Amino acid sequence: MVALVSTVAFLGLEARAVEVQVQVAPGVPSFVVVGLADKAVGESRERVRGALQAIGLALPPKRITVNLSPADLPKEGSHYDLPIALALLGAMGVIDAETLSAYVVVGELGLDGRIAPAPGVLLAALHASERTLGLVCPAAQGAEAAWAGTIEVVAAPDLMALLDHFRGLRSLPQPEQGVAERASHGPDLAQVKGQESAKRALEIAAAGGHNLVMIGPPGAGKSLMAACLPGILPPLTPAEALEVSMVSSVAGTLEGGRLSATRPFRSPHHSASMAALVGGGLKVRPGEVSLAHLGVLFLDELPEFQRAVLDSLRQPLEAGKVSVARANGHVTFPARVQLIAAMNPCRCGHLGDPAQACSRAPRCAADYQAKVSGPLLDRIDLHVEVAAVSAADLVLPPPAEGSAEVRARVAEARGVQTARYQGQGVRTNGEADGDLLDMVAAPDEPGRKLLAQAAQAMGLSARGYHRVLRVARTIADLARSEAVGRIHIAEALSYRRQAPRA
């Protein structure tokens, strides 16, 4: 007899349909799993065997063959345990195989019969919804699966409870959606003393979704200002929260089915590898740039990262997605992030202070900043120098304007952009490009002349030219101006990268 159960394989944020076929036939007793399964899937034999023994069942002394179809699609992960166990029980006649055909099944089994959480349940639920099927998943992830809509979700704590549910002996309750957490704001800009030009650049970056790099001595407040950025960004929309949660689900970091309205803020250490930053590894998982999707990726001590690791960010920053190539296929993760970077002007950090600068200044500054490639810096819209905070600044009372006031202006500017780019597949000025950018950010005649002169004098690349237009459009939005004028172009040019000091 052959029993069939539907499950999924994950390729990035795509859930591919997989059919688990189990045949119990006469022959030498054996338990074989075929269908391009990895080691975790192959080990499911022992977990399934132990789980069945825990509920008082033994494997029949026959030849058991498990085929994962399509056979040429790689199968990775422990979420195949439960579908294999249910298909085996269907083939043994313990459970009605016809009943199982109405569900997509995911879940890891323990040797005691418990159904443990597995990554990707939200994607599996959305896949089941598209196929108008129900979902069988671990009880701990029922709240996560419930976000997929009105599908039937059977969230079972253990294998025995699941069997009793299908036999009609007891009914498992339909789980409710996890609590949607309100946006948290983190540190307040009122904590930052001085640094008005840097705070202005931070506001522009937040309003237009622009990348920003801050260059300044240690202790100037660069990390604090970066941590303040999520507090002035608008909260995630429900659709964006679901998009972010899908990445967290695949990574296995979505706890309790809680969706958050707070934009992600990721701050990897400078020792992070390329796989950790952009994704990959033996079992391809999203990296920091994808975990920060629709949020902020903060890279502190930028030149201390390996150069190859930093350069691997160039394509994701431009395309808003990252593609991990493997011999057996390509996996794509979303990566629409706002890059915020901080760095010292030189290795000692005190280039502008003759009393503290090292003996190699200013040559050490050129060597240190050269560790970050020009093409990567060209993809950063705003470059701002952060001066050291003086004692006079520290004794001043807190600024009258904090994150709440800046957040209101940013929300207003974002609202203008949402209306402007309706139906264009663009969320912010930082994503606008091509003819669309030329249409919405065309400066007036004085602004056009200034930009043309500056482009020649500063040696702006085509990318740099268009990034000045993007920033100018955001500055105009903050000023509630429909047209991009000379004053907006001038301020945008002041944030372009300056040549290293000789």
Protein backbone atom coordinates (compact mmCIF):
# COMPACT_ATOMS: atom_id res chain seq x y z
CA MET A 1 0.00 0.00 0.00
CA VAL A 2 1.16 3.55 -0.76
CA ALA A 3 0.12 6.59 1.31
CA LEU A 4 0.68 10.19 0.24
CA VAL A 5 1.16 13.32 2.37
CA SER A 6 1.89 16.88 1.16
CA THR A 7 4.70 18.96 2.61
CA VAL A 8 7.08 21.68 1.34
CA ALA A 9 10.72 22.38 0.53
CA PHE A 10 12.06 25.88 1.11
CA LEU A 11 14.09 27.71 -1.53
CA GLY A 12 14.68 31.16 -0.12
CA LEU A 13 11.23 32.58 0.59
CA GLU A 14 9.61 30.19 -1.85
CA ALA A 15 7.82 27.08 -0.61
CA ARG A 16 7.86 24.29 -3.22
CA ALA A 17 5.32 21.48 -3.03
CA VAL A 18 6.76 18.10 -2.01
CA GLU A 19 4.83 14.83 -1.89
CA VAL A 20 5.85 12.25 0.68
CA GLN A 21 5.13 8.77 -0.68
CA VAL A 22 5.41 5.81 1.69
CA GLN A 23 5.17 2.21 0.54
CA VAL A 24 5.01 -0.74 2.92
CA ALA A 25 5.70 -3.92 0.93
CA PRO A 26 6.74 -7.51 1.66
CA GLY A 27 10.46 -8.11 1.71
CA VAL A 28 13.54 -7.90 3.89
CA PRO A 29 12.74 -5.45 6.77
CA SER A 30 14.26 -2.05 5.98
CA PHE A 31 13.50 1.67 6.16
CA VAL A 32 14.83 3.66 3.19
CA VAL A 33 14.42 7.40 2.42
CA VAL A 34 15.05 8.47 -1.19
CA GLY A 35 14.56 11.70 -3.10
CA LEU A 36 17.72 13.83 -2.74
CA ALA A 37 17.43 14.09 1.05
CA ASP A 38 20.14 15.66 3.20
CA LYS A 39 21.51 14.15 6.40
CA ALA A 40 18.82 15.67 8.64
CA VAL A 41 16.09 14.13 6.47
CA GLY A 42 17.87 10.78 6.38
CA GLU A 43 18.07 10.76 10.17
CA SER A 44 14.30 11.14 10.35
CA ARG A 45 14.11 7.34 10.19
CA GLU A 46 15.29 7.07 13.78
CA ARG A 47 13.14 9.95 15.04
CA VAL A 48 10.04 8.48 13.38
CA ARG A 49 10.84 5.03 14.75
CA GLY A 50 11.28 6.41 18.28
CA ALA A 51 8.11 8.54 18.10
CA LEU A 52 6.00 5.54 17.00
CA GLN A 53 7.42 3.43 19.81
CA ALA A 54 6.54 6.21 22.26
CA ILE A 55 2.84 5.92 21.34
CA GLY A 56 2.88 2.12 21.47
CA LEU A 57 3.35 1.28 17.79
CA ALA A 58 6.12 -0.67 16.13
CA LEU A 59 7.25 -0.62 12.54
CA PRO A 60 5.99 -3.57 10.54
CA PRO A 61 8.65 -6.19 9.63
CA LYS A 62 8.46 -5.24 5.96
CA ARG A 63 10.30 -3.13 3.42
CA ILE A 64 9.42 0.55 4.04
CA THR A 65 10.32 2.97 1.25
CA VAL A 66 9.88 6.72 1.63
CA ASN A 67 10.09 8.74 -1.59
CA LEU A 68 10.21 12.54 -1.50
CA SER A 69 8.86 13.77 -4.83
CA PRO A 70 10.01 15.51 -6.98
CA ALA A 71 13.16 13.46 -6.59
CA ASP A 72 15.48 16.07 -8.17
CA LEU A 73 14.56 18.86 -5.71
CA PRO A 74 16.97 19.11 -2.74
CA LYS A 75 15.27 18.36 0.61
CA GLU A 76 16.79 19.93 3.74
CA GLY A 77 15.66 20.22 7.33
CA SER A 78 13.89 18.32 10.07
CA HIS A 79 10.36 19.44 9.15
CA TYR A 80 9.93 16.27 7.05
CA ASP A 81 9.69 14.10 10.20
CA LEU A 82 5.96 14.58 10.80
CA PRO A 83 4.81 14.13 7.17
CA ILE A 84 6.91 10.94 6.91
CA ALA A 85 5.40 9.62 10.16
CA LEU A 86 1.81 10.40 9.09
CA ALA A 87 2.32 8.89 5.63
CA LEU A 88 3.77 5.78 7.28
CA LEU A 89 0.79 5.54 9.63
CA GLY A 90 -1.50 5.92 6.61
CA ALA A 91 0.30 3.10 4.80
CA MET A 92 0.01 0.94 7.94
CA GLY A 93 -3.74 1.60 8.11
CA VAL A 94 -3.57 3.33 11.48
CA ILE A 95 -4.97 6.57 10.06
CA ASP A 96 -7.20 7.28 7.06
CA ALA A 97 -4.89 8.18 4.20
CA GLU A 98 -7.69 10.09 2.46
CA THR A 99 -7.97 12.46 5.44
CA LEU A 100 -4.29 13.37 5.15
CA SER A 101 -4.69 14.52 1.54
CA ALA A 102 -6.42 17.70 2.73
CA TYR A 103 -3.38 19.02 4.62
CA VAL A 104 0.16 20.28 4.19
CA VAL A 105 2.24 18.84 7.04
CA VAL A 106 5.42 20.20 8.66
CA GLY A 107 7.06 19.45 12.00
CA GLU A 108 10.00 17.80 13.72
CA LEU A 109 9.47 14.74 15.91
CA GLY A 110 11.09 13.96 19.23
CA LEU A 111 11.83 10.41 20.33
CA ASP A 112 9.07 10.76 22.95
CA GLY A 113 6.47 11.66 20.31
CA ARG A 114 6.49 15.41 20.86
CA ILE A 115 6.16 17.64 17.78
CA ALA A 116 8.93 20.23 17.95
CA PRO A 117 9.04 23.61 16.13
CA ALA A 118 10.69 23.79 12.72
CA PRO A 119 11.70 26.83 10.61
CA GLY A 120 9.43 28.03 7.82
CA VAL A 121 5.95 27.30 9.21
CA LEU A 122 4.60 30.69 8.10
CA LEU A 123 5.73 30.05 4.52
CA ALA A 124 4.20 26.57 4.65
CA ALA A 125 0.92 28.08 5.87
CA LEU A 126 0.87 30.61 3.03
CA HIS A 127 1.62 27.80 0.57
CA ALA A 128 -1.26 25.74 2.01
CA SER A 129 -3.56 28.75 1.70
CA GLU A 130 -2.70 29.12 -1.99
CA ARG A 131 -3.58 25.46 -2.54
CA THR A 132 -6.77 25.75 -0.39
CA LEU A 133 -5.45 23.07 1.96
CA GLY A 134 -5.20 22.91 5.73
CA LEU A 135 -1.94 22.85 7.68
CA VAL A 136 -0.66 20.45 10.33
CA CYS A 137 2.14 21.99 12.38
CA PRO A 138 3.67 22.02 15.89
CA ALA A 139 1.48 23.52 18.64
CA ALA A 140 4.21 26.05 19.47
CA GLN A 141 3.88 27.52 15.96
CA GLY A 142 0.10 27.52 15.60
CA ALA A 143 -0.06 31.27 16.28
CA GLU A 144 2.50 31.82 13.52
CA ALA A 145 0.57 29.70 11.02
CA ALA A 146 -2.70 31.48 11.82
CA TRP A 147 -1.39 34.65 10.16
CA ALA A 148 -1.83 32.96 6.77
CA GLY A 149 -5.58 33.64 6.78
CA THR A 150 -8.68 31.51 7.14
CA ILE A 151 -7.09 28.11 6.51
CA GLU A 152 -7.65 25.22 8.94
CA VAL A 153 -4.61 24.90 11.19
CA VAL A 154 -4.14 21.72 13.23
CA ALA A 155 -1.49 22.59 15.80
CA ALA A 156 -0.62 19.47 17.77
CA PRO A 157 1.69 19.20 20.80
CA ASP A 158 2.51 15.51 20.17
CA LEU A 159 1.84 12.66 17.80
CA MET A 160 -0.78 10.97 20.02
CA ALA A 161 -2.86 14.14 20.27
CA LEU A 162 -2.70 14.49 16.48
CA LEU A 163 -3.87 10.89 15.95
CA ASP A 164 -6.74 11.39 18.41
CA HIS A 165 -7.76 14.53 16.49
CA PHE A 166 -7.91 12.70 13.15
CA ARG A 167 -9.72 9.74 14.72
CA GLY A 168 -12.35 12.07 16.18
CA LEU A 169 -11.55 11.15 19.79
CA ARG A 170 -10.73 14.75 20.70
CA SER A 171 -10.50 17.99 18.80
CA LEU A 172 -7.52 20.31 18.77
CA PRO A 173 -8.56 23.99 18.94
CA GLN A 174 -7.95 26.33 16.03
CA PRO A 175 -4.99 28.55 17.11
CA GLU A 176 -5.35 32.31 17.20
CA GLN A 177 -2.98 34.72 15.50
CA GLY A 178 0.03 35.76 17.52
CA VAL A 179 -0.01 39.15 19.16
CA ALA A 180 1.07 41.98 16.85
CA GLU A 181 3.61 43.90 18.89
CA ARG A 182 3.53 47.67 18.79
CA ALA A 183 6.52 49.53 17.42
CA SER A 184 9.26 50.19 19.96
CA HIS A 185 11.34 53.33 19.67
CA GLY A 186 14.64 52.61 21.43
CA PRO A 187 17.02 55.48 22.31
CA ASP A 188 15.75 59.04 21.85
CA LEU A 189 17.54 61.66 19.77
CA ALA A 190 17.22 63.99 22.76
CA GLN A 191 20.05 61.97 24.32
CA VAL A 192 22.43 63.18 21.60
CA LYS A 193 24.22 66.40 22.59
CA GLY A 194 25.27 68.64 19.72
CA GLN A 195 25.82 66.94 16.33
CA GLU A 196 23.10 68.97 14.61
CA SER A 197 24.45 68.32 11.11
CA ALA A 198 24.63 64.57 11.75
CA LYS A 199 21.10 64.53 13.15
CA ARG A 200 19.89 66.39 10.07
CA ALA A 201 21.53 63.77 7.86
CA LEU A 202 19.90 61.03 9.95
CA GLU A 203 16.49 62.65 9.44
CA ILE A 204 17.03 62.82 5.67
CA ALA A 205 18.15 59.18 5.62
CA ALA A 206 15.03 58.12 7.54
CA ALA A 207 12.69 60.20 5.38
CA GLY A 208 13.94 58.83 2.06
CA GLY A 209 15.31 55.40 2.94
CA HIS A 210 18.87 56.48 2.08
CA ASN A 211 22.14 54.83 3.04
CA LEU A 212 24.34 56.83 5.42
CA VAL A 213 27.92 56.70 6.62
CA MET A 214 29.16 58.70 9.63
CA ILE A 215 32.87 59.45 9.94
CA GLY A 216 34.20 60.75 13.23
CA PRO A 217 36.44 60.16 16.26
CA PRO A 218 35.62 57.61 18.98
CA GLY A 219 32.94 58.71 21.44
CA ALA A 220 31.34 61.25 19.10
CA GLY A 221 27.93 59.51 19.28
CA LYS A 222 27.86 57.65 15.94
CA SER A 223 26.57 54.37 17.39
CA LEU A 224 24.01 56.17 19.55
CA MET A 225 22.60 58.05 16.57
CA ALA A 226 22.42 54.85 14.55
CA ALA A 227 20.50 53.18 17.39
CA CYS A 228 18.08 56.15 17.36
CA LEU A 229 17.18 55.59 13.71
CA PRO A 230 14.50 52.89 14.23
CA GLY A 231 12.75 55.30 16.60
CA ILE A 232 12.21 57.89 13.86
CA LEU A 233 11.27 55.46 11.10
CA PRO A 234 7.57 54.84 10.40
CA PRO A 235 6.22 51.50 11.67
CA LEU A 236 5.86 48.58 9.32
CA THR A 237 2.56 48.28 7.50
CA PRO A 238 0.71 44.94 7.98
CA ALA A 239 1.92 43.75 4.56
CA GLU A 240 5.51 44.73 5.37
CA ALA A 241 5.31 43.06 8.80
CA LEU A 242 4.23 39.82 7.13
CA GLU A 243 7.09 40.14 4.63
CA VAL A 244 9.64 40.64 7.42
CA SER A 245 8.13 37.76 9.40
CA MET A 246 8.52 35.41 6.45
CA VAL A 247 12.29 35.96 6.55
CA SER A 248 12.31 35.42 10.33
CA SER A 249 10.25 32.25 9.91
CA VAL A 250 12.72 30.75 7.43
CA ALA A 251 15.60 31.71 9.74
CA GLY A 252 13.78 30.13 12.69
CA THR A 253 13.79 33.34 14.75
CA LEU A 254 10.03 34.06 14.78
CA GLU A 255 9.00 33.26 18.36
CA GLY A 256 5.44 32.71 19.51
CA GLY A 257 3.99 33.79 16.18
CA ARG A 258 4.48 37.43 17.13
CA LEU A 259 4.55 39.91 14.27
CA SER A 260 6.15 43.23 15.10
CA ALA A 261 5.54 46.68 13.67
CA THR A 262 9.12 47.68 14.53
CA ARG A 263 11.55 47.75 11.64
CA PRO A 264 14.45 45.30 12.06
CA PHE A 265 17.75 46.67 13.33
CA ARG A 266 20.72 44.36 12.80
CA SER A 267 24.24 45.18 13.95
CA PRO A 268 26.68 42.35 13.07
CA HIS A 269 30.20 42.35 14.48
CA HIS A 270 33.00 43.25 12.09
CA SER A 271 34.30 39.68 12.29
CA ALA A 272 31.17 38.42 10.45
CA SER A 273 31.83 36.14 7.49
CA MET A 274 30.39 36.59 4.01
CA ALA A 275 27.82 33.82 4.61
CA ALA A 276 26.74 35.46 7.87
CA LEU A 277 26.30 38.85 6.22
CA VAL A 278 24.68 38.02 2.86
CA GLY A 279 23.46 34.46 3.49
CA GLY A 280 24.60 31.01 2.50
CA GLY A 281 26.33 28.28 4.43
CA LEU A 282 26.05 24.50 4.12
CA LYS A 283 22.29 24.81 4.56
CA VAL A 284 21.45 28.10 2.89
CA ARG A 285 20.00 30.52 5.41
CA PRO A 286 19.30 34.27 5.17
CA GLY A 287 22.15 36.50 6.28
CA GLU A 288 22.11 39.75 8.23
CA VAL A 289 21.28 41.79 5.12
CA SER A 290 18.07 39.76 4.68
CA LEU A 291 17.21 39.66 8.38
CA ALA A 292 17.35 43.48 8.21
CA HIS A 293 14.91 43.53 5.24
CA LEU A 294 12.77 46.72 5.34
CA GLY A 295 14.83 47.87 8.29
CA VAL A 296 18.34 48.99 9.20
CA LEU A 297 21.67 47.21 8.76
CA PHE A 298 24.21 48.98 10.97
CA LEU A 299 27.88 48.29 10.31
CA ASP A 300 30.05 49.79 13.03
CA GLU A 301 33.80 50.11 12.46
CA LEU A 302 33.21 49.74 8.72
CA PRO A 303 36.88 49.43 7.60
CA GLU A 304 37.42 46.58 10.08
CA PHE A 305 35.16 44.28 8.05
CA GLN A 306 36.93 42.10 5.51
CA ARG A 307 36.97 43.87 2.17
CA ALA A 308 35.50 40.92 0.29
CA VAL A 309 32.66 40.73 2.82
CA LEU A 310 31.84 44.41 2.36
CA ASP A 311 31.99 44.18 -1.42
CA SER A 312 29.49 41.33 -1.31
CA LEU A 313 26.93 43.95 -0.19
CA ARG A 314 27.19 45.91 -3.43
CA GLN A 315 24.67 43.83 -5.40
CA PRO A 316 22.10 43.53 -2.56
CA LEU A 317 22.20 47.29 -1.92
CA GLU A 318 21.54 47.99 -5.58
CA ALA A 319 18.97 45.27 -6.33
CA GLY A 320 17.20 44.95 -2.96
CA LYS A 321 17.72 41.19 -2.97
CA VAL A 322 20.54 38.70 -2.56
CA SER A 323 21.04 35.60 -4.68
CA VAL A 324 23.04 32.70 -3.25
CA ALA A 325 24.29 30.40 -6.01
CA ARG A 326 24.87 26.73 -5.36
CA ALA A 327 25.64 23.83 -7.69
CA ASN A 328 22.15 22.40 -7.12
CA GLY A 329 20.25 25.66 -7.50
CA HIS A 330 19.91 29.36 -6.74
CA VAL A 331 18.25 30.76 -3.62
CA THR A 332 17.03 34.36 -3.47
CA PHE A 333 16.25 36.33 -0.30
CA PRO A 334 14.89 39.88 -0.08
CA ALA A 335 17.38 42.51 1.09
CA ARG A 336 15.79 45.95 0.80
CA VAL A 337 17.77 47.50 3.65
CA GLN A 338 18.92 50.88 4.78
CA LEU A 339 22.67 50.70 5.34
CA ILE A 340 23.99 52.84 8.18
CA ALA A 341 27.75 52.69 8.66
CA ALA A 342 30.13 54.28 11.14
CA MET A 343 33.89 54.59 10.95
CA ASN A 344 36.80 56.45 12.44
CA PRO A 345 38.72 58.82 10.14
CA CYS A 346 41.89 56.79 10.73
CA ARG A 347 43.08 53.85 12.80
CA CYS A 348 43.83 55.91 15.91
CA GLY A 349 40.63 57.90 15.39
CA HIS A 350 42.04 61.32 16.18
CA LEU A 351 43.03 62.62 12.76
CA GLY A 352 41.68 66.11 13.33
CA ASP A 353 43.30 66.55 16.75
CA PRO A 354 47.01 67.43 16.48
CA ALA A 355 47.50 66.65 20.18
CA GLN A 356 46.25 63.05 19.85
CA ALA A 357 46.84 62.11 16.20
CA CYS A 358 49.48 59.48 15.53
CA SER A 359 52.79 60.21 13.84
CA ARG A 360 51.60 58.75 10.52
CA ALA A 361 48.83 61.32 10.05
CA PRO A 362 47.52 62.15 7.52
CA ARG A 363 48.85 59.15 5.53
CA CYS A 364 47.20 56.72 7.96
CA ALA A 365 43.79 58.24 7.14
CA ALA A 366 44.16 57.55 3.43
CA ASP A 367 45.33 53.98 4.11
CA TYR A 368 42.55 53.32 6.62
CA GLN A 369 39.70 54.72 4.52
CA ALA A 370 41.03 52.92 1.43
CA LYS A 371 40.07 49.64 3.11
CA VAL A 372 36.48 50.42 2.03
CA SER A 373 36.15 50.19 -1.75
CA GLY A 374 35.07 53.17 -3.82
CA PRO A 375 32.19 51.30 -5.51
CA LEU A 376 30.66 50.52 -2.10
CA LEU A 377 31.03 54.11 -0.90
CA ASP A 378 29.46 55.27 -4.16
CA ARG A 379 26.32 53.35 -3.17
CA ILE A 380 26.01 55.35 0.06
CA ASP A 381 23.89 58.46 -0.45
CA LEU A 382 24.87 60.48 2.62
CA HIS A 383 28.41 61.00 3.92
CA VAL A 384 28.61 63.09 7.08
CA GLU A 385 31.54 64.00 9.29
CA VAL A 386 30.79 63.79 13.00
CA ALA A 387 32.90 66.09 15.18
CA ALA A 388 34.09 65.24 18.66
CA VAL A 389 31.71 66.28 21.43
CA SER A 390 33.16 69.01 23.62
CA ALA A 391 32.70 69.35 27.35
CA ALA A 392 30.64 72.47 26.70
CA ASP A 393 28.18 70.38 24.67
CA LEU A 394 27.89 67.74 27.38
CA VAL A 395 26.79 70.19 30.09
CA LEU A 396 24.05 71.67 27.92
CA PRO A 397 20.46 70.72 28.74
CA PRO A 398 18.80 68.09 26.49
CA PRO A 399 17.70 69.41 23.08
CA ALA A 400 14.13 70.64 22.85
CA GLU A 401 13.53 68.38 19.86
CA GLY A 402 13.66 64.61 20.26
CA SER A 403 12.70 61.55 18.26
CA ALA A 404 8.95 62.25 18.45
CA GLU A 405 9.21 65.55 16.56
CA VAL A 406 11.58 64.13 13.95
CA ARG A 407 9.40 61.04 13.58
CA ALA A 408 6.40 63.22 12.73
CA ARG A 409 8.30 64.98 9.93
CA VAL A 410 9.64 61.68 8.60
CA ALA A 411 6.14 60.17 8.60
CA GLU A 412 4.81 63.15 6.66
CA ALA A 413 7.58 62.88 4.05
CA ARG A 414 7.06 59.12 3.77
CA GLY A 415 3.34 59.71 3.26
CA VAL A 416 4.11 62.00 0.33
CA GLN A 417 6.35 59.32 -1.20
CA THR A 418 3.75 56.58 -0.71
CA ALA A 419 1.22 58.65 -2.66
CA ARG A 420 3.80 59.59 -5.31
CA TYR A 421 4.94 56.04 -6.04
CA GLN A 422 1.55 54.35 -5.81
CA GLY A 423 1.54 51.39 -8.19
CA GLN A 424 5.19 51.93 -9.21
CA GLY A 425 6.68 49.14 -7.08
CA VAL A 426 8.75 51.73 -5.17
CA ARG A 427 8.37 52.65 -1.51
CA THR A 428 10.78 55.56 -1.00
CA ASN A 429 12.94 58.06 -2.86
CA GLY A 430 15.95 55.87 -2.05
CA GLU A 431 14.54 53.17 -4.36
CA ALA A 432 13.55 55.42 -7.29
CA ASP A 433 15.62 55.04 -10.42
CA GLY A 434 15.68 55.55 -14.19
CA ASP A 435 12.90 57.46 -15.89
CA LEU A 436 10.85 57.50 -12.69
CA LEU A 437 13.60 59.36 -10.82
CA ASP A 438 14.09 61.79 -13.71
CA MET A 439 10.37 62.52 -13.64
CA VAL A 440 9.90 63.07 -9.89
CA ALA A 441 13.27 64.68 -9.06
CA ALA A 442 13.98 66.89 -12.07
CA PRO A 443 15.43 70.12 -10.60
CA ASP A 444 14.57 73.63 -11.74
CA GLU A 445 16.99 75.48 -14.03
CA PRO A 446 19.25 76.95 -11.29
CA GLY A 447 19.36 73.55 -9.58
CA ARG A 448 20.16 71.80 -12.84
CA LYS A 449 23.06 74.14 -13.57
CA LEU A 450 24.48 73.70 -10.04
CA LEU A 451 24.25 69.93 -10.31
CA ALA A 452 25.94 69.90 -13.72
CA GLN A 453 28.80 72.06 -12.43
CA ALA A 454 29.21 69.99 -9.29
CA ALA A 455 29.14 66.71 -11.19
CA GLN A 456 32.10 67.85 -13.26
CA ALA A 457 34.01 69.44 -10.38
CA MET A 458 33.48 66.50 -7.97
CA GLY A 459 33.84 63.80 -10.61
CA LEU A 460 30.48 62.25 -9.81
CA SER A 461 29.73 58.91 -11.39
CA ALA A 462 26.37 58.31 -13.05
CA ARG A 463 25.31 56.51 -9.88
CA GLY A 464 26.49 59.40 -7.71
CA TYR A 465 24.63 61.88 -9.91
CA HIS A 466 21.36 60.02 -9.49
CA ARG A 467 21.88 59.57 -5.77
CA VAL A 468 22.24 63.34 -5.39
CA LEU A 469 18.86 63.67 -7.13
CA ARG A 470 17.31 61.13 -4.76
CA VAL A 471 18.58 62.95 -1.69
CA ALA A 472 17.51 66.32 -3.08
CA ARG A 473 14.02 64.95 -3.68
CA THR A 474 13.85 63.85 -0.04
CA ILE A 475 15.09 67.24 1.21
CA ALA A 476 12.38 68.88 -0.88
CA ASP A 477 9.78 66.52 0.61
CA LEU A 478 10.86 67.45 4.13
CA ALA A 479 10.55 71.10 3.14
CA ARG A 480 7.06 70.38 1.68
CA SER A 481 8.21 71.55 -1.71
CA GLU A 482 6.80 70.01 -4.87
CA ALA A 483 9.76 71.18 -6.95
CA VAL A 484 13.44 70.35 -6.42
CA GLY A 485 15.30 73.66 -6.27
CA ARG A 486 18.86 74.89 -6.12
CA ILE A 487 18.87 74.94 -2.30
CA HIS A 488 17.87 71.28 -2.16
CA ILE A 489 20.55 70.30 -4.68
CA ALA A 490 23.15 72.27 -2.73
CA GLU A 491 22.39 70.50 0.53
CA ALA A 492 22.35 67.10 -1.19
CA LEU A 493 25.77 67.81 -2.72
CA SER A 494 27.16 68.64 0.72
CA TYR A 495 26.56 65.02 1.73
CA ARG A 496 28.46 63.46 -1.14
CA ARG A 497 31.76 61.74 -0.43
CA GLN A 498 34.69 64.08 -0.01
CA ALA A 499 38.13 63.11 -1.23
CA PRO A 500 40.45 61.82 1.55
CA ARG A 501 42.59 64.52 3.06
CA ALA A 502 46.13 64.55 1.74
